[in-house]
N, C-alpha and C. Protein backbone atom coordinates (compact mmCIF):
# COMPACT_ATOMS: atom_id res chain seq x y z
N MET A 1 0.84 -1.18 0.00
CA MET A 1 0.00 0.00 0.00
C MET A 1 0.88 1.24 0.00
N LYS A 2 0.77 2.06 -1.03
CA LYS A 2 1.53 3.30 -1.07
C LYS A 2 0.83 4.36 -0.24
N LYS A 3 1.61 5.11 0.51
CA LYS A 3 1.04 6.17 1.33
C LYS A 3 1.87 7.43 1.17
N ILE A 4 1.25 8.57 1.48
CA ILE A 4 2.01 9.80 1.53
C ILE A 4 1.86 10.42 2.91
N LYS A 5 2.31 11.62 3.07
CA LYS A 5 2.53 12.30 4.34
C LYS A 5 1.46 12.03 5.40
N LEU A 6 1.89 11.96 6.66
CA LEU A 6 0.99 11.75 7.78
C LEU A 6 0.22 13.03 8.08
N PHE A 7 -1.08 12.88 8.34
CA PHE A 7 -1.95 14.01 8.68
C PHE A 7 -2.53 13.77 10.07
N THR A 8 -2.72 14.85 10.83
CA THR A 8 -3.30 14.77 12.16
C THR A 8 -4.61 15.53 12.20
N ALA A 9 -5.63 14.93 12.83
CA ALA A 9 -6.97 15.51 12.84
C ALA A 9 -7.00 16.83 13.59
N LEU A 10 -7.75 17.80 13.00
CA LEU A 10 -7.96 19.10 13.63
C LEU A 10 -9.42 19.30 14.03
N GLY A 11 -10.32 18.97 13.10
CA GLY A 11 -11.74 19.19 13.35
C GLY A 11 -12.52 17.94 13.07
N VAL A 12 -13.71 17.84 13.70
CA VAL A 12 -14.54 16.67 13.51
C VAL A 12 -16.00 17.07 13.59
N ALA A 13 -16.86 16.44 12.77
CA ALA A 13 -18.30 16.61 12.85
C ALA A 13 -18.93 15.25 12.60
N LEU A 14 -20.03 14.98 13.28
CA LEU A 14 -20.69 13.68 13.21
C LEU A 14 -22.00 13.80 12.45
N ALA A 15 -22.42 12.69 11.83
CA ALA A 15 -23.72 12.66 11.17
C ALA A 15 -24.13 11.22 10.96
N ALA A 16 -25.38 11.02 10.57
CA ALA A 16 -25.86 9.72 10.13
C ALA A 16 -26.78 9.97 8.95
N VAL A 17 -27.02 8.96 8.14
CA VAL A 17 -27.85 9.15 6.96
C VAL A 17 -29.20 9.75 7.37
N LEU A 18 -29.64 10.75 6.61
CA LEU A 18 -30.87 11.52 6.82
C LEU A 18 -30.72 12.53 7.97
N PHE A 19 -29.56 12.70 8.52
CA PHE A 19 -29.32 13.70 9.55
C PHE A 19 -28.14 14.56 9.14
N ILE A 20 -27.95 15.69 9.86
CA ILE A 20 -26.83 16.56 9.57
C ILE A 20 -26.15 16.96 10.86
N ALA A 21 -24.93 17.50 10.74
CA ALA A 21 -24.22 18.10 11.86
C ALA A 21 -23.76 19.47 11.41
N ALA A 22 -23.81 20.46 12.33
CA ALA A 22 -23.42 21.82 11.98
C ALA A 22 -22.54 22.41 13.07
N ASP A 23 -21.57 23.23 12.64
CA ASP A 23 -20.63 23.82 13.58
C ASP A 23 -19.96 24.99 12.86
N HIS A 24 -20.42 26.23 13.13
CA HIS A 24 -19.97 27.38 12.36
C HIS A 24 -19.11 28.31 13.21
N VAL A 25 -17.93 28.62 12.69
CA VAL A 25 -17.02 29.67 13.16
C VAL A 25 -16.88 29.73 14.68
N ASP A 26 -16.83 28.59 15.36
CA ASP A 26 -16.62 28.63 16.80
C ASP A 26 -15.48 27.71 17.23
N ALA A 27 -14.57 27.41 16.30
CA ALA A 27 -13.41 26.59 16.63
C ALA A 27 -12.16 27.44 16.36
N PRO A 28 -11.63 28.12 17.37
CA PRO A 28 -10.56 29.10 17.14
C PRO A 28 -9.31 28.52 16.52
N GLY A 29 -9.04 27.24 16.71
CA GLY A 29 -7.82 26.67 16.15
C GLY A 29 -7.84 26.50 14.65
N VAL A 30 -9.05 26.51 14.04
CA VAL A 30 -9.16 26.27 12.59
C VAL A 30 -9.98 27.33 11.88
N ALA A 31 -10.59 28.27 12.61
CA ALA A 31 -11.46 29.27 12.00
C ALA A 31 -10.73 30.04 10.91
N GLY A 32 -11.46 30.31 9.82
CA GLY A 32 -10.88 31.07 8.73
C GLY A 32 -10.05 30.24 7.78
N SER A 33 -10.09 28.92 7.91
CA SER A 33 -9.35 28.05 7.01
C SER A 33 -10.26 26.92 6.56
N SER A 34 -9.84 26.17 5.53
CA SER A 34 -10.68 25.07 5.07
C SER A 34 -10.54 23.84 5.95
N ALA A 35 -9.87 23.98 7.10
CA ALA A 35 -9.91 22.94 8.13
C ALA A 35 -11.12 23.11 9.05
N ASP A 36 -11.83 24.24 8.91
CA ASP A 36 -12.98 24.53 9.76
C ASP A 36 -14.24 23.91 9.15
N ILE A 37 -14.72 22.82 9.75
CA ILE A 37 -15.92 22.14 9.27
C ILE A 37 -17.15 22.94 9.70
N THR A 38 -18.00 23.29 8.74
CA THR A 38 -19.23 24.01 9.08
C THR A 38 -20.44 23.08 9.11
N ASP A 39 -20.57 22.22 8.11
CA ASP A 39 -21.70 21.28 8.06
C ASP A 39 -21.24 19.96 7.46
N PHE A 40 -21.92 18.89 7.88
CA PHE A 40 -21.70 17.57 7.29
C PHE A 40 -23.06 16.93 7.09
N TYR A 41 -23.34 16.51 5.86
CA TYR A 41 -24.61 15.88 5.51
C TYR A 41 -24.34 14.47 4.96
N ALA A 42 -25.23 13.55 5.30
CA ALA A 42 -25.18 12.20 4.73
C ALA A 42 -26.62 11.76 4.52
N PHE A 43 -26.98 11.39 3.27
CA PHE A 43 -28.39 11.10 2.99
C PHE A 43 -28.51 10.29 1.71
N GLU A 44 -29.70 9.69 1.54
CA GLU A 44 -30.05 9.04 0.29
C GLU A 44 -30.48 10.11 -0.71
N PRO A 45 -29.99 10.08 -1.95
CA PRO A 45 -30.40 11.10 -2.92
C PRO A 45 -31.89 11.03 -3.25
N THR A 46 -32.46 9.84 -3.23
CA THR A 46 -33.90 9.64 -3.40
C THR A 46 -34.31 8.49 -2.49
N THR A 47 -35.57 8.43 -2.13
CA THR A 47 -36.06 7.37 -1.25
C THR A 47 -35.82 5.99 -1.88
N GLY A 48 -35.18 5.11 -1.11
CA GLY A 48 -34.91 3.77 -1.60
C GLY A 48 -33.71 3.66 -2.51
N SER A 49 -32.95 4.74 -2.66
CA SER A 49 -31.77 4.71 -3.53
C SER A 49 -30.72 3.75 -3.00
N ASP A 50 -29.91 3.22 -3.88
CA ASP A 50 -28.80 2.35 -3.51
C ASP A 50 -27.50 3.15 -3.36
N ASN A 51 -27.59 4.49 -3.38
CA ASN A 51 -26.44 5.35 -3.20
C ASN A 51 -26.55 6.15 -1.90
N THR A 52 -25.43 6.67 -1.44
CA THR A 52 -25.40 7.61 -0.32
C THR A 52 -24.60 8.83 -0.75
N VAL A 53 -25.12 10.01 -0.41
CA VAL A 53 -24.44 11.27 -0.71
C VAL A 53 -23.82 11.80 0.59
N PHE A 54 -22.56 12.18 0.50
CA PHE A 54 -21.86 12.82 1.61
C PHE A 54 -21.49 14.24 1.17
N ILE A 55 -21.85 15.23 1.97
CA ILE A 55 -21.50 16.62 1.69
C ILE A 55 -20.74 17.19 2.88
N VAL A 56 -19.54 17.66 2.64
CA VAL A 56 -18.72 18.29 3.67
C VAL A 56 -18.59 19.77 3.31
N ASP A 57 -19.08 20.66 4.17
CA ASP A 57 -18.91 22.09 3.98
C ASP A 57 -17.87 22.61 4.96
N VAL A 58 -16.93 23.40 4.46
CA VAL A 58 -15.89 23.97 5.31
C VAL A 58 -15.78 25.47 5.05
N GLN A 59 -15.33 26.19 6.04
CA GLN A 59 -14.97 27.61 5.94
C GLN A 59 -16.11 28.48 5.42
N SER A 60 -16.98 28.88 6.30
CA SER A 60 -18.04 29.83 5.95
C SER A 60 -17.49 31.25 6.01
N ASN A 61 -17.97 32.12 5.11
CA ASN A 61 -17.54 33.52 5.12
C ASN A 61 -18.61 34.42 5.72
N VAL A 62 -19.35 33.90 6.70
CA VAL A 62 -20.50 34.61 7.21
C VAL A 62 -20.13 35.87 7.98
N LEU A 63 -19.00 35.90 8.67
CA LEU A 63 -18.66 37.04 9.50
C LEU A 63 -17.71 37.98 8.76
N PRO A 64 -17.87 39.30 8.95
CA PRO A 64 -17.04 40.26 8.20
C PRO A 64 -15.54 40.09 8.41
N ASP A 65 -15.14 39.64 9.59
CA ASP A 65 -13.70 39.55 9.88
C ASP A 65 -13.13 38.17 9.57
N LEU A 66 -13.92 37.30 8.92
CA LEU A 66 -13.46 35.96 8.58
C LEU A 66 -13.01 35.93 7.13
N THR A 67 -11.75 35.67 6.92
CA THR A 67 -11.20 35.63 5.57
C THR A 67 -11.69 34.38 4.84
N TYR A 68 -12.23 34.57 3.65
CA TYR A 68 -12.76 33.45 2.86
C TYR A 68 -11.83 33.24 1.68
N GLY A 69 -11.25 32.06 1.59
CA GLY A 69 -10.27 31.82 0.54
C GLY A 69 -10.50 30.51 -0.15
N ALA A 70 -9.42 29.87 -0.57
CA ALA A 70 -9.49 28.62 -1.32
C ALA A 70 -9.24 27.44 -0.40
N PHE A 71 -9.43 26.23 -0.95
CA PHE A 71 -9.09 25.02 -0.21
C PHE A 71 -7.59 25.03 0.10
N ASP A 72 -7.25 24.66 1.31
CA ASP A 72 -5.86 24.61 1.77
C ASP A 72 -5.24 23.28 1.30
N GLU A 73 -4.13 23.34 0.59
CA GLU A 73 -3.51 22.13 0.06
C GLU A 73 -2.83 21.29 1.15
N ASP A 74 -2.72 21.81 2.36
CA ASP A 74 -2.17 21.04 3.48
C ASP A 74 -3.25 20.38 4.33
N VAL A 75 -4.52 20.52 3.92
CA VAL A 75 -5.63 19.98 4.70
C VAL A 75 -6.26 18.81 3.96
N LEU A 76 -6.28 17.66 4.60
CA LEU A 76 -6.93 16.45 4.10
C LEU A 76 -8.31 16.32 4.75
N VAL A 77 -9.34 16.18 3.93
CA VAL A 77 -10.70 15.93 4.44
C VAL A 77 -10.95 14.43 4.36
N GLU A 78 -11.43 13.86 5.47
CA GLU A 78 -11.63 12.41 5.52
C GLU A 78 -13.03 12.09 6.04
N ILE A 79 -13.81 11.41 5.21
CA ILE A 79 -15.13 10.91 5.60
C ILE A 79 -14.95 9.50 6.16
N ASN A 80 -15.37 9.31 7.40
CA ASN A 80 -15.18 8.04 8.10
C ASN A 80 -16.52 7.32 8.25
N ILE A 81 -16.52 6.01 8.02
CA ILE A 81 -17.75 5.22 8.06
C ILE A 81 -17.53 4.00 8.95
N ASP A 82 -18.39 3.86 9.96
CA ASP A 82 -18.34 2.71 10.89
C ASP A 82 -19.39 1.70 10.46
N LEU A 83 -18.98 0.46 10.24
CA LEU A 83 -19.89 -0.58 9.76
C LEU A 83 -20.28 -1.60 10.82
N ASP A 84 -19.60 -1.60 11.97
CA ASP A 84 -19.88 -2.65 12.97
C ASP A 84 -20.27 -2.10 14.34
N GLY A 85 -20.49 -0.80 14.45
CA GLY A 85 -21.01 -0.23 15.68
C GLY A 85 -20.00 0.05 16.76
N ASP A 86 -18.70 -0.06 16.46
CA ASP A 86 -17.70 0.19 17.51
C ASP A 86 -17.17 1.62 17.49
N LEU A 87 -17.75 2.47 16.62
CA LEU A 87 -17.36 3.88 16.50
C LEU A 87 -15.91 4.04 16.08
N VAL A 88 -15.39 3.07 15.35
CA VAL A 88 -14.07 3.14 14.73
C VAL A 88 -14.28 3.01 13.22
N GLU A 89 -13.59 3.83 12.45
CA GLU A 89 -13.81 3.83 11.01
C GLU A 89 -13.39 2.51 10.36
N ASP A 90 -14.30 1.96 9.56
CA ASP A 90 -14.03 0.74 8.78
C ASP A 90 -13.77 1.06 7.32
N GLN A 91 -14.34 2.15 6.84
CA GLN A 91 -14.12 2.63 5.49
C GLN A 91 -13.87 4.14 5.56
N VAL A 92 -12.99 4.64 4.69
CA VAL A 92 -12.77 6.08 4.63
C VAL A 92 -12.76 6.54 3.17
N ILE A 93 -13.17 7.77 2.98
CA ILE A 93 -13.05 8.46 1.70
C ILE A 93 -12.26 9.73 1.97
N GLN A 94 -11.21 9.96 1.20
CA GLN A 94 -10.33 11.10 1.45
C GLN A 94 -10.39 12.07 0.27
N ALA A 95 -10.21 13.37 0.58
CA ALA A 95 -10.18 14.39 -0.46
C ALA A 95 -9.11 15.42 -0.10
N ILE A 96 -8.30 15.80 -1.08
CA ILE A 96 -7.26 16.79 -0.86
C ILE A 96 -7.06 17.59 -2.16
N PRO A 97 -6.90 18.92 -2.06
CA PRO A 97 -6.75 19.73 -3.27
C PRO A 97 -5.30 19.84 -3.72
N ARG A 98 -5.12 19.95 -5.03
CA ARG A 98 -3.82 20.21 -5.61
C ARG A 98 -4.01 20.95 -6.94
N ASN A 99 -3.44 22.15 -7.03
CA ASN A 99 -3.37 22.89 -8.29
C ASN A 99 -4.72 23.01 -8.99
N GLY A 100 -5.73 23.42 -8.23
CA GLY A 100 -7.04 23.67 -8.82
C GLY A 100 -7.93 22.47 -8.99
N LYS A 101 -7.49 21.30 -8.53
CA LYS A 101 -8.32 20.10 -8.59
C LYS A 101 -8.45 19.49 -7.20
N MET A 102 -9.57 18.78 -6.97
CA MET A 102 -9.76 18.02 -5.74
C MET A 102 -9.57 16.55 -6.08
N TYR A 103 -8.61 15.91 -5.39
CA TYR A 103 -8.30 14.50 -5.61
C TYR A 103 -8.96 13.65 -4.52
N PHE A 104 -9.55 12.54 -4.94
CA PHE A 104 -10.29 11.68 -4.03
C PHE A 104 -9.63 10.30 -3.98
N PHE A 105 -9.73 9.68 -2.79
CA PHE A 105 -9.19 8.33 -2.57
C PHE A 105 -10.22 7.53 -1.77
N GLY A 106 -10.41 6.25 -2.17
CA GLY A 106 -11.34 5.40 -1.43
C GLY A 106 -12.56 5.03 -2.26
N PRO A 107 -13.56 4.43 -1.58
CA PRO A 107 -13.53 4.01 -0.18
C PRO A 107 -12.54 2.86 0.02
N PHE A 108 -11.84 2.89 1.17
CA PHE A 108 -10.91 1.82 1.49
C PHE A 108 -10.87 1.64 3.00
N SER A 109 -10.40 0.47 3.41
CA SER A 109 -10.25 0.15 4.82
C SER A 109 -8.89 0.66 5.29
N PRO A 110 -8.85 1.61 6.23
CA PRO A 110 -7.57 2.20 6.61
C PRO A 110 -6.73 1.24 7.45
N SER A 111 -5.42 1.34 7.29
CA SER A 111 -4.51 0.49 8.07
C SER A 111 -4.32 1.03 9.48
N SER A 112 -4.61 2.31 9.69
CA SER A 112 -4.56 2.90 11.04
C SER A 112 -5.79 3.77 11.22
N THR A 113 -6.27 3.86 12.45
CA THR A 113 -7.48 4.62 12.75
C THR A 113 -7.18 5.67 13.81
N GLY A 114 -8.17 6.51 14.07
CA GLY A 114 -7.98 7.51 15.11
C GLY A 114 -7.57 8.86 14.54
N LEU A 115 -6.69 9.57 15.28
CA LEU A 115 -6.37 10.95 14.95
C LEU A 115 -5.42 11.10 13.78
N ASN A 116 -4.62 10.10 13.49
CA ASN A 116 -3.64 10.21 12.41
C ASN A 116 -4.11 9.48 11.16
N SER A 117 -3.88 10.10 10.00
CA SER A 117 -4.32 9.51 8.73
C SER A 117 -3.21 9.62 7.70
N GLU A 118 -3.21 8.66 6.76
CA GLU A 118 -2.30 8.69 5.64
C GLU A 118 -3.08 8.45 4.36
N ILE A 119 -2.73 9.18 3.32
CA ILE A 119 -3.42 8.99 2.04
C ILE A 119 -2.99 7.67 1.41
N ASN A 120 -3.96 6.88 1.01
CA ASN A 120 -3.70 5.61 0.35
C ASN A 120 -3.69 5.84 -1.16
N VAL A 121 -2.52 6.02 -1.72
CA VAL A 121 -2.39 6.33 -3.15
C VAL A 121 -2.93 5.19 -4.00
N ASP A 122 -2.85 3.94 -3.52
CA ASP A 122 -3.36 2.80 -4.27
C ASP A 122 -4.87 2.86 -4.44
N ALA A 123 -5.55 3.64 -3.60
CA ALA A 123 -7.01 3.72 -3.65
C ALA A 123 -7.46 4.99 -4.36
N ALA A 124 -6.62 5.51 -5.26
CA ALA A 124 -6.98 6.73 -6.00
C ALA A 124 -8.31 6.53 -6.72
N LEU A 125 -9.24 7.44 -6.49
CA LEU A 125 -10.58 7.33 -7.04
C LEU A 125 -10.74 8.19 -8.29
N GLY A 126 -10.16 9.37 -8.26
CA GLY A 126 -10.29 10.29 -9.38
C GLY A 126 -10.18 11.71 -8.88
N SER A 127 -10.37 12.65 -9.77
CA SER A 127 -10.28 14.07 -9.40
C SER A 127 -11.33 14.84 -10.16
N VAL A 128 -11.62 16.05 -9.66
CA VAL A 128 -12.55 16.94 -10.34
C VAL A 128 -12.00 18.35 -10.22
N GLU A 129 -12.17 19.13 -11.26
CA GLU A 129 -11.74 20.52 -11.21
C GLU A 129 -12.56 21.27 -10.17
N ILE A 130 -11.90 22.06 -9.33
CA ILE A 130 -12.60 22.83 -8.31
C ILE A 130 -13.40 23.92 -8.99
N SER A 131 -14.71 23.92 -8.78
CA SER A 131 -15.61 24.85 -9.46
C SER A 131 -15.42 26.27 -8.96
N SER A 132 -15.78 27.22 -9.82
CA SER A 132 -15.82 28.62 -9.40
C SER A 132 -17.21 29.17 -9.73
N GLN A 133 -17.37 29.76 -10.90
CA GLN A 133 -18.67 30.31 -11.28
C GLN A 133 -19.65 29.23 -11.75
N THR A 134 -19.15 28.22 -12.41
CA THR A 134 -19.99 27.16 -12.95
C THR A 134 -19.69 25.84 -12.24
N ALA A 135 -20.74 25.15 -11.81
CA ALA A 135 -20.55 23.89 -11.10
C ALA A 135 -20.05 22.81 -12.06
N ILE A 136 -18.98 22.13 -11.65
CA ILE A 136 -18.39 21.06 -12.44
C ILE A 136 -18.48 19.76 -11.62
N THR A 137 -19.09 18.74 -12.20
CA THR A 137 -19.15 17.43 -11.53
C THR A 137 -18.48 16.39 -12.42
N LYS A 138 -18.09 15.29 -11.79
CA LYS A 138 -17.46 14.21 -12.54
C LYS A 138 -17.93 12.88 -11.96
N THR A 139 -18.20 11.92 -12.83
CA THR A 139 -18.59 10.58 -12.40
C THR A 139 -17.48 9.61 -12.79
N THR A 140 -17.02 8.82 -11.84
CA THR A 140 -15.91 7.90 -12.06
C THR A 140 -16.39 6.62 -12.73
N PHE A 141 -15.45 5.76 -13.05
CA PHE A 141 -15.77 4.51 -13.74
C PHE A 141 -16.68 3.60 -12.93
N ASN A 142 -16.63 3.71 -11.59
CA ASN A 142 -17.46 2.83 -10.74
C ASN A 142 -18.68 3.53 -10.17
N GLY A 143 -19.11 4.60 -10.81
CA GLY A 143 -20.39 5.21 -10.47
C GLY A 143 -20.36 6.19 -9.32
N ILE A 144 -19.19 6.66 -8.90
CA ILE A 144 -19.07 7.66 -7.84
C ILE A 144 -19.04 9.04 -8.47
N SER A 145 -19.88 9.95 -7.96
CA SER A 145 -19.93 11.32 -8.47
C SER A 145 -19.18 12.25 -7.52
N LEU A 146 -18.44 13.22 -8.10
CA LEU A 146 -17.55 14.08 -7.34
C LEU A 146 -17.84 15.55 -7.64
N PHE A 147 -17.69 16.40 -6.61
CA PHE A 147 -17.79 17.85 -6.78
C PHE A 147 -16.96 18.52 -5.69
N ALA A 148 -16.39 19.69 -6.03
CA ALA A 148 -15.71 20.52 -5.03
C ALA A 148 -15.78 21.97 -5.48
N GLY A 149 -16.12 22.86 -4.55
CA GLY A 149 -16.18 24.28 -4.89
C GLY A 149 -17.12 25.03 -3.97
N PRO A 150 -17.24 26.36 -4.15
CA PRO A 150 -18.11 27.16 -3.29
C PRO A 150 -19.58 26.91 -3.57
N ARG A 151 -20.36 26.88 -2.50
CA ARG A 151 -21.81 26.74 -2.58
C ARG A 151 -22.41 27.69 -1.53
N GLN A 152 -23.68 28.05 -1.73
CA GLN A 152 -24.34 28.91 -0.75
C GLN A 152 -24.49 28.18 0.57
N ASP A 153 -24.19 28.88 1.66
CA ASP A 153 -24.28 28.27 2.99
C ASP A 153 -25.75 27.99 3.32
N PRO A 154 -26.12 26.70 3.57
CA PRO A 154 -27.51 26.37 3.83
C PRO A 154 -27.95 26.61 5.27
N PHE A 155 -27.01 26.93 6.14
CA PHE A 155 -27.31 27.05 7.57
C PHE A 155 -28.12 28.32 7.83
N TYR A 156 -29.23 28.22 8.59
CA TYR A 156 -30.09 29.36 8.92
C TYR A 156 -30.00 29.59 10.42
N PHE A 157 -29.46 30.76 10.79
CA PHE A 157 -29.28 31.02 12.23
C PHE A 157 -29.03 32.51 12.45
N ASP A 158 -29.59 33.05 13.52
CA ASP A 158 -29.34 34.44 13.91
C ASP A 158 -28.13 34.45 14.86
N PHE A 159 -26.95 34.48 14.27
CA PHE A 159 -25.71 34.32 15.03
C PHE A 159 -25.46 35.52 15.95
N VAL A 160 -25.76 36.73 15.47
CA VAL A 160 -25.53 37.94 16.27
C VAL A 160 -26.44 37.93 17.50
N ARG A 161 -27.73 37.65 17.29
CA ARG A 161 -28.66 37.62 18.41
C ARG A 161 -28.32 36.50 19.40
N PHE A 162 -27.85 35.38 18.89
CA PHE A 162 -27.44 34.27 19.75
C PHE A 162 -26.34 34.73 20.71
N ASN A 163 -25.35 35.44 20.18
CA ASN A 163 -24.26 35.92 21.05
C ASN A 163 -24.76 36.92 22.07
N GLU A 164 -25.76 37.73 21.70
CA GLU A 164 -26.33 38.67 22.65
C GLU A 164 -27.07 37.95 23.77
N VAL A 165 -27.74 36.85 23.43
CA VAL A 165 -28.51 36.11 24.43
C VAL A 165 -27.60 35.37 25.41
N VAL A 166 -26.54 34.73 24.89
CA VAL A 166 -25.67 33.95 25.76
C VAL A 166 -24.70 34.83 26.54
N ALA A 167 -24.50 36.08 26.10
CA ALA A 167 -23.64 37.01 26.84
C ALA A 167 -24.40 38.32 27.02
N PRO A 168 -25.45 38.32 27.87
CA PRO A 168 -26.35 39.48 27.98
C PRO A 168 -25.65 40.72 28.52
N SER A 169 -26.12 41.87 28.02
CA SER A 169 -25.65 43.16 28.51
C SER A 169 -26.80 43.81 29.28
N SER A 170 -26.77 45.13 29.40
CA SER A 170 -27.84 45.83 30.11
C SER A 170 -29.12 45.91 29.29
N GLU A 171 -29.03 45.59 27.99
CA GLU A 171 -30.21 45.62 27.14
C GLU A 171 -31.07 44.39 27.37
N ASP A 172 -32.28 44.41 26.79
CA ASP A 172 -33.19 43.26 26.91
C ASP A 172 -32.73 42.16 25.96
N ASN A 173 -32.11 41.13 26.50
CA ASN A 173 -31.64 40.00 25.71
C ASN A 173 -32.33 38.72 26.14
N SER A 174 -33.62 38.81 26.38
CA SER A 174 -34.34 37.67 26.94
C SER A 174 -34.66 36.59 25.93
N GLY A 175 -34.54 36.89 24.66
CA GLY A 175 -34.86 35.86 23.67
C GLY A 175 -34.54 36.31 22.27
N PHE A 176 -34.85 35.45 21.29
CA PHE A 176 -34.57 35.74 19.90
C PHE A 176 -35.66 36.63 19.31
N ASN A 177 -35.29 37.40 18.29
CA ASN A 177 -36.26 38.21 17.58
C ASN A 177 -37.13 37.32 16.70
N VAL A 178 -38.38 37.70 16.55
CA VAL A 178 -39.31 36.98 15.69
C VAL A 178 -39.91 37.96 14.69
N PRO A 179 -39.69 37.78 13.38
CA PRO A 179 -38.85 36.71 12.81
C PRO A 179 -37.37 37.00 13.02
N GLY A 180 -36.57 35.95 13.00
CA GLY A 180 -35.14 36.11 13.18
C GLY A 180 -34.45 36.64 11.93
N THR A 181 -33.21 37.01 12.09
CA THR A 181 -32.38 37.45 10.97
C THR A 181 -31.38 36.36 10.64
N ASP A 182 -31.37 35.92 9.39
CA ASP A 182 -30.44 34.87 8.98
C ASP A 182 -29.07 35.49 8.73
N THR A 183 -28.19 35.34 9.71
CA THR A 183 -26.84 35.89 9.58
C THR A 183 -26.09 35.25 8.41
N PHE A 184 -26.48 34.05 8.04
CA PHE A 184 -25.77 33.31 7.00
C PHE A 184 -26.34 33.57 5.60
N ASP A 185 -27.34 34.43 5.49
CA ASP A 185 -27.94 34.71 4.20
C ASP A 185 -26.90 35.35 3.27
N GLY A 186 -26.69 34.74 2.09
CA GLY A 186 -25.72 35.25 1.14
C GLY A 186 -24.30 34.77 1.36
N ALA A 187 -24.07 34.04 2.45
CA ALA A 187 -22.73 33.52 2.72
C ALA A 187 -22.47 32.27 1.90
N ASN A 188 -21.21 31.98 1.67
CA ASN A 188 -20.81 30.77 0.96
C ASN A 188 -19.98 29.86 1.86
N THR A 189 -19.94 28.61 1.52
CA THR A 189 -19.00 27.67 2.10
C THR A 189 -18.22 27.01 0.96
N LEU A 190 -17.13 26.36 1.31
CA LEU A 190 -16.43 25.49 0.36
C LEU A 190 -16.97 24.08 0.57
N SER A 191 -17.47 23.47 -0.49
CA SER A 191 -18.16 22.19 -0.38
C SER A 191 -17.40 21.08 -1.10
N ILE A 192 -17.43 19.91 -0.48
CA ILE A 192 -16.94 18.68 -1.11
C ILE A 192 -18.10 17.69 -1.11
N VAL A 193 -18.45 17.17 -2.29
CA VAL A 193 -19.60 16.29 -2.42
C VAL A 193 -19.17 14.98 -3.07
N VAL A 194 -19.58 13.88 -2.47
CA VAL A 194 -19.30 12.54 -3.01
C VAL A 194 -20.58 11.73 -2.94
N GLU A 195 -21.02 11.19 -4.07
CA GLU A 195 -22.14 10.25 -4.10
C GLU A 195 -21.59 8.87 -4.41
N VAL A 196 -21.85 7.90 -3.52
CA VAL A 196 -21.20 6.60 -3.58
C VAL A 196 -22.25 5.48 -3.61
N PRO A 197 -22.13 4.51 -4.50
CA PRO A 197 -22.99 3.32 -4.40
C PRO A 197 -22.75 2.60 -3.07
N ASN A 198 -23.82 2.23 -2.40
CA ASN A 198 -23.68 1.56 -1.10
C ASN A 198 -22.90 0.26 -1.19
N ALA A 199 -22.93 -0.37 -2.36
CA ALA A 199 -22.21 -1.63 -2.53
C ALA A 199 -20.71 -1.45 -2.32
N LEU A 200 -20.20 -0.23 -2.53
CA LEU A 200 -18.77 0.03 -2.33
C LEU A 200 -18.44 0.38 -0.88
N LEU A 201 -19.48 0.65 -0.07
CA LEU A 201 -19.26 1.05 1.32
C LEU A 201 -19.40 -0.11 2.29
N GLY A 202 -20.27 -1.06 1.98
CA GLY A 202 -20.59 -2.13 2.91
C GLY A 202 -22.00 -1.96 3.44
N THR A 203 -22.47 -2.94 4.17
CA THR A 203 -23.84 -2.95 4.67
C THR A 203 -23.96 -2.14 5.95
N PRO A 204 -24.88 -1.16 6.02
CA PRO A 204 -25.05 -0.41 7.26
C PRO A 204 -25.63 -1.28 8.36
N THR A 205 -25.17 -1.08 9.58
CA THR A 205 -25.62 -1.90 10.70
C THR A 205 -26.43 -1.11 11.72
N ALA A 206 -26.57 0.20 11.51
CA ALA A 206 -27.35 1.04 12.43
C ALA A 206 -28.71 1.34 11.82
N GLN A 207 -29.61 1.89 12.64
CA GLN A 207 -30.91 2.34 12.17
C GLN A 207 -31.18 3.73 12.73
N ASN A 208 -31.89 4.55 11.94
CA ASN A 208 -32.28 5.85 12.46
C ASN A 208 -33.59 5.72 13.24
N VAL A 209 -34.16 6.86 13.64
CA VAL A 209 -35.32 6.84 14.53
C VAL A 209 -36.57 6.30 13.85
N ILE A 210 -36.59 6.25 12.52
CA ILE A 210 -37.76 5.70 11.83
C ILE A 210 -37.48 4.31 11.27
N GLY A 211 -36.39 3.70 11.73
CA GLY A 211 -36.10 2.32 11.39
C GLY A 211 -35.41 2.09 10.06
N VAL A 212 -34.91 3.16 9.44
CA VAL A 212 -34.21 3.02 8.16
C VAL A 212 -32.74 2.69 8.43
N PRO A 213 -32.17 1.68 7.76
CA PRO A 213 -30.75 1.37 7.95
C PRO A 213 -29.87 2.57 7.55
N VAL A 214 -28.91 2.91 8.39
CA VAL A 214 -28.05 4.07 8.14
C VAL A 214 -26.61 3.72 8.45
N TYR A 215 -25.71 4.54 7.89
CA TYR A 215 -24.29 4.45 8.23
C TYR A 215 -23.99 5.39 9.39
N LYS A 216 -23.20 4.92 10.33
CA LYS A 216 -22.63 5.82 11.33
C LYS A 216 -21.41 6.46 10.68
N THR A 217 -21.41 7.76 10.57
CA THR A 217 -20.37 8.42 9.79
C THR A 217 -19.99 9.75 10.40
N TRP A 218 -18.76 10.15 10.24
CA TRP A 218 -18.27 11.43 10.71
C TRP A 218 -17.16 11.90 9.77
N VAL A 219 -16.86 13.18 9.84
CA VAL A 219 -15.85 13.74 8.97
C VAL A 219 -14.79 14.41 9.83
N THR A 220 -13.53 14.31 9.39
CA THR A 220 -12.44 15.01 10.06
C THR A 220 -11.68 15.83 9.03
N THR A 221 -11.09 16.92 9.49
CA THR A 221 -10.10 17.64 8.70
C THR A 221 -8.76 17.43 9.37
N ASN A 222 -7.75 17.18 8.56
CA ASN A 222 -6.45 16.78 9.07
C ASN A 222 -5.36 17.62 8.40
N ARG A 223 -4.45 18.16 9.20
CA ARG A 223 -3.38 18.99 8.63
C ARG A 223 -2.07 18.21 8.57
N LYS A 224 -1.34 18.42 7.47
CA LYS A 224 -0.08 17.71 7.25
C LYS A 224 0.93 18.03 8.34
N GLN A 225 1.57 17.00 8.87
CA GLN A 225 2.58 17.17 9.90
C GLN A 225 3.91 17.61 9.30
């Protein structure tokens, strides 16, 4: 198995199929970089589909003092999938940018788990040009669809009012305004999207609250050591 440089995890977000995880601009160690995970989605593209879509959003430009830039070439994004319920990754999908393209690896069974990751060059999946004004997608030989680039931030939240409520001053901060103000309106994130046939991932062993089989999955961002 060929590998390249060791990466150490910086950020993490959890999700399961049909659910999402969100975490915006509150991680000081990674804020303002593409190591900052904002949202992670995992879902069936259509009811009863044999595919699963994973969407990783990083680096929101919602706040005026937050610099919004490109994907960091020293940051590896890794989608982790647990198939046996022990909360340890059994399959991973990796994505890392180079020279205007996003390169993908996997799904594959990692030789090491936990905080440290290595890119498995033998599991090269393909690449897609990082989109700018026009969305560019690519489908690989085995039916996996790929995308990377800026997308509108889907998160709806009154971030300013939230800070006023949790850190009250002499003003009336007893609750949120109705209707609220979407602080994220017009903001963008950098998105990585992978649609994978379930046959390449393995059989899910968990169930969601309505009894649908789901994957236990989480995403990490890892910086090169």
